[in-house]
N, C-alpha and C. Protein backbone atom coordinates (compact mmCIF):
# COMPACT_ATOMS: atom_id res chain seq x y z
N MET A 1 -85.33 16.35 -177.63
CA MET A 1 -84.43 17.46 -177.64
C MET A 1 -84.27 17.94 -179.09
N ILE A 2 -84.13 17.04 -180.05
CA ILE A 2 -83.96 17.45 -181.42
C ILE A 2 -85.19 18.22 -181.90
N LEU A 3 -86.36 17.73 -181.54
CA LEU A 3 -87.58 18.44 -181.97
C LEU A 3 -87.66 19.81 -181.41
N THR A 4 -87.24 20.00 -180.15
CA THR A 4 -87.28 21.31 -179.54
C THR A 4 -86.31 22.24 -180.21
N LYS A 5 -85.11 21.78 -180.51
CA LYS A 5 -84.13 22.64 -181.17
C LYS A 5 -84.56 23.04 -182.60
N LYS A 6 -85.08 22.11 -183.31
CA LYS A 6 -85.51 22.40 -184.69
C LYS A 6 -86.71 23.34 -184.67
N SER A 7 -87.61 23.19 -183.77
CA SER A 7 -88.77 24.11 -183.76
C SER A 7 -88.37 25.55 -183.41
N HIS A 8 -87.31 25.71 -182.62
CA HIS A 8 -86.80 27.07 -182.33
C HIS A 8 -86.04 27.67 -183.50
N ASN A 9 -85.64 26.85 -184.44
CA ASN A 9 -84.98 27.35 -185.69
C ASN A 9 -85.94 27.41 -186.85
N PHE A 10 -87.22 27.54 -186.58
CA PHE A 10 -88.29 27.76 -187.57
C PHE A 10 -88.50 26.55 -188.46
N PHE A 11 -88.24 25.40 -188.01
CA PHE A 11 -88.60 24.15 -188.75
C PHE A 11 -89.93 23.73 -188.22
N ARG A 12 -90.77 23.27 -189.11
CA ARG A 12 -92.05 22.68 -188.67
C ARG A 12 -91.97 21.20 -188.87
N ILE A 13 -92.41 20.44 -187.91
CA ILE A 13 -92.33 19.00 -187.99
C ILE A 13 -93.76 18.44 -188.08
N TYR A 14 -94.01 17.64 -189.09
CA TYR A 14 -95.29 16.99 -189.29
C TYR A 14 -95.11 15.45 -189.19
N VAL A 15 -96.03 14.81 -188.52
CA VAL A 15 -96.01 13.38 -188.46
C VAL A 15 -97.13 12.84 -189.29
N ASP A 16 -96.79 11.95 -190.20
CA ASP A 16 -97.79 11.40 -191.09
C ASP A 16 -97.85 9.88 -190.83
N VAL A 17 -98.95 9.42 -190.30
CA VAL A 17 -99.13 8.06 -189.96
C VAL A 17 -100.37 7.47 -190.63
N VAL A 18 -100.17 6.32 -191.25
CA VAL A 18 -101.30 5.65 -191.88
C VAL A 18 -101.40 4.29 -191.18
N PHE A 19 -102.56 4.10 -190.53
CA PHE A 19 -102.83 2.80 -189.87
C PHE A 19 -103.45 1.89 -190.88
N ASN A 20 -102.97 0.66 -190.95
CA ASN A 20 -103.56 -0.35 -191.85
C ASN A 20 -104.82 -0.88 -191.16
N HIS A 21 -105.92 -0.23 -191.29
CA HIS A 21 -107.13 -0.55 -190.50
C HIS A 21 -108.04 -1.56 -191.22
N MET A 22 -107.64 -2.06 -192.37
CA MET A 22 -108.51 -3.00 -193.14
C MET A 22 -107.84 -4.36 -193.21
N THR A 23 -107.39 -4.82 -192.09
CA THR A 23 -106.68 -6.11 -192.06
C THR A 23 -107.35 -7.03 -191.03
N SER A 24 -106.96 -8.26 -191.13
CA SER A 24 -107.37 -9.30 -190.21
C SER A 24 -108.84 -9.66 -190.44
N LYS A 25 -109.35 -10.48 -189.57
CA LYS A 25 -110.70 -10.93 -189.65
C LYS A 25 -111.44 -10.59 -188.33
N PHE A 26 -112.43 -9.80 -188.42
CA PHE A 26 -113.18 -9.41 -187.27
C PHE A 26 -114.69 -9.65 -187.51
N PRO A 27 -115.35 -10.39 -186.68
CA PRO A 27 -116.83 -10.52 -186.83
C PRO A 27 -117.48 -9.24 -186.41
N ASN A 28 -118.50 -8.87 -187.14
CA ASN A 28 -119.27 -7.63 -186.78
C ASN A 28 -118.38 -6.41 -186.64
N ALA A 29 -117.49 -6.15 -187.58
CA ALA A 29 -116.57 -5.03 -187.50
C ALA A 29 -117.35 -3.74 -187.69
N THR A 30 -117.10 -2.78 -186.79
CA THR A 30 -117.71 -1.45 -186.83
C THR A 30 -116.63 -0.41 -186.62
N GLY A 31 -116.62 0.58 -187.54
CA GLY A 31 -115.64 1.64 -187.48
C GLY A 31 -116.00 2.65 -186.46
N VAL A 32 -115.07 3.61 -186.18
CA VAL A 32 -115.32 4.65 -185.16
C VAL A 32 -116.46 5.57 -185.59
N GLY A 33 -116.70 5.69 -186.91
CA GLY A 33 -117.84 6.48 -187.37
C GLY A 33 -119.14 5.77 -187.51
N GLY A 34 -119.14 4.48 -187.12
CA GLY A 34 -120.35 3.69 -187.17
C GLY A 34 -120.50 2.87 -188.43
N THR A 35 -119.56 2.97 -189.38
CA THR A 35 -119.67 2.16 -190.57
C THR A 35 -119.36 0.72 -190.25
N THR A 36 -119.94 -0.20 -191.03
CA THR A 36 -119.71 -1.58 -190.80
C THR A 36 -118.87 -2.16 -191.88
N ALA A 37 -118.27 -3.34 -191.65
CA ALA A 37 -117.44 -3.99 -192.62
C ALA A 37 -117.60 -5.51 -192.51
N ASP A 38 -117.51 -6.14 -193.63
CA ASP A 38 -117.46 -7.60 -193.70
C ASP A 38 -116.01 -7.96 -194.03
N THR A 39 -115.19 -8.07 -192.98
CA THR A 39 -113.78 -8.27 -193.17
C THR A 39 -113.46 -9.62 -193.76
N TYR A 40 -114.32 -10.62 -193.56
CA TYR A 40 -114.06 -11.98 -194.10
C TYR A 40 -114.17 -11.99 -195.63
N ASN A 41 -114.98 -11.10 -196.16
CA ASN A 41 -115.15 -11.04 -197.64
C ASN A 41 -114.64 -9.76 -198.22
N LYS A 42 -113.91 -9.00 -197.41
CA LYS A 42 -113.24 -7.74 -197.85
C LYS A 42 -114.24 -6.75 -198.45
N ARG A 43 -115.35 -6.53 -197.70
CA ARG A 43 -116.35 -5.57 -198.12
C ARG A 43 -116.43 -4.44 -197.09
N TYR A 44 -116.11 -3.23 -197.54
CA TYR A 44 -116.06 -2.05 -196.65
C TYR A 44 -116.95 -0.99 -197.29
N PRO A 45 -118.25 -1.07 -197.19
CA PRO A 45 -119.17 -0.14 -197.91
C PRO A 45 -119.03 1.30 -197.54
N GLY A 46 -118.55 1.64 -196.34
CA GLY A 46 -118.41 3.02 -195.94
C GLY A 46 -117.29 3.75 -196.63
N VAL A 47 -116.34 3.00 -197.25
CA VAL A 47 -115.20 3.66 -197.87
C VAL A 47 -115.47 4.12 -199.29
N PRO A 48 -116.01 3.54 -200.21
CA PRO A 48 -116.37 2.09 -200.39
C PRO A 48 -115.26 1.30 -201.04
N TYR A 49 -114.84 0.23 -200.41
CA TYR A 49 -113.89 -0.74 -200.98
C TYR A 49 -114.50 -2.10 -200.98
N GLY A 50 -114.12 -2.88 -201.96
CA GLY A 50 -114.58 -4.25 -202.02
C GLY A 50 -113.38 -5.14 -202.42
N PRO A 51 -113.65 -6.44 -202.61
CA PRO A 51 -112.52 -7.35 -202.91
C PRO A 51 -111.76 -6.97 -204.15
N GLU A 52 -112.39 -6.26 -205.09
CA GLU A 52 -111.69 -5.87 -206.30
C GLU A 52 -110.60 -4.80 -206.05
N HIS A 53 -110.60 -4.19 -204.88
CA HIS A 53 -109.58 -3.17 -204.55
C HIS A 53 -108.37 -3.73 -203.88
N PHE A 54 -108.33 -5.05 -203.66
CA PHE A 54 -107.22 -5.68 -202.98
C PHE A 54 -106.45 -6.57 -203.90
N ASN A 55 -105.22 -6.86 -203.59
CA ASN A 55 -104.39 -7.75 -204.40
C ASN A 55 -105.00 -9.11 -204.49
N GLN A 56 -105.07 -9.65 -205.65
CA GLN A 56 -105.62 -11.00 -205.87
C GLN A 56 -104.60 -11.82 -206.64
N PRO A 57 -104.40 -13.05 -206.32
CA PRO A 57 -104.93 -13.78 -205.19
C PRO A 57 -104.28 -13.33 -203.90
N THR A 58 -104.94 -13.61 -202.79
CA THR A 58 -104.41 -13.30 -201.52
C THR A 58 -103.15 -14.13 -201.29
N CYS A 59 -102.10 -13.49 -200.84
CA CYS A 59 -100.85 -14.21 -200.60
C CYS A 59 -100.14 -13.67 -199.36
N GLU A 60 -99.39 -14.54 -198.73
CA GLU A 60 -98.69 -14.14 -197.53
C GLU A 60 -97.33 -13.51 -197.83
N ILE A 61 -96.86 -12.70 -196.93
CA ILE A 61 -95.53 -12.15 -197.09
C ILE A 61 -94.57 -13.15 -196.50
N THR A 62 -93.57 -13.51 -197.33
CA THR A 62 -92.60 -14.50 -196.88
C THR A 62 -91.27 -13.90 -196.38
N THR A 63 -91.01 -12.63 -196.84
CA THR A 63 -89.78 -11.94 -196.39
C THR A 63 -90.02 -10.48 -196.30
N TYR A 64 -90.07 -9.92 -195.08
CA TYR A 64 -90.34 -8.51 -194.89
C TYR A 64 -89.23 -7.55 -195.41
N PRO A 65 -88.00 -7.96 -195.48
CA PRO A 65 -86.96 -7.03 -196.01
C PRO A 65 -87.10 -6.72 -197.51
N ASP A 66 -87.90 -7.47 -198.23
CA ASP A 66 -88.07 -7.18 -199.69
C ASP A 66 -89.23 -6.26 -199.90
N PRO A 67 -88.99 -5.00 -200.28
CA PRO A 67 -90.08 -4.02 -200.40
C PRO A 67 -91.10 -4.36 -201.48
N VAL A 68 -90.72 -5.09 -202.50
CA VAL A 68 -91.63 -5.49 -203.54
C VAL A 68 -92.68 -6.47 -203.00
N ILE A 69 -92.18 -7.43 -202.29
CA ILE A 69 -93.10 -8.45 -201.72
C ILE A 69 -94.01 -7.79 -200.70
N VAL A 70 -93.53 -6.89 -199.88
CA VAL A 70 -94.31 -6.23 -198.85
C VAL A 70 -95.41 -5.35 -199.51
N SER A 71 -95.04 -4.64 -200.59
CA SER A 71 -96.04 -3.71 -201.23
C SER A 71 -97.07 -4.45 -202.04
N ASP A 72 -96.72 -5.61 -202.57
CA ASP A 72 -97.66 -6.36 -203.43
C ASP A 72 -98.44 -7.43 -202.74
N ASN A 73 -98.31 -7.63 -201.46
CA ASN A 73 -99.01 -8.69 -200.77
C ASN A 73 -99.73 -8.13 -199.54
N GLU A 74 -100.57 -8.95 -198.93
CA GLU A 74 -101.28 -8.51 -197.76
C GLU A 74 -100.37 -8.59 -196.55
N LEU A 75 -100.51 -7.61 -195.68
CA LEU A 75 -99.74 -7.61 -194.43
C LEU A 75 -100.47 -8.43 -193.42
């Protein structure tokens, strides 16, 4: 209902979503465009990203309410 009312009042609503698609470990990972990835070694040649583009050393998030820990560690 809010979206309908705002659009009638000349507001435009844009949704911006970023999926974290470079996570986890998948054997033989293939993207929707056909690119491949070595997720175990963090090699994404289609982007191109490699291990040097990720936070090192790899560390777990211990508390999600802390924005610094979430932004500086792997999800």
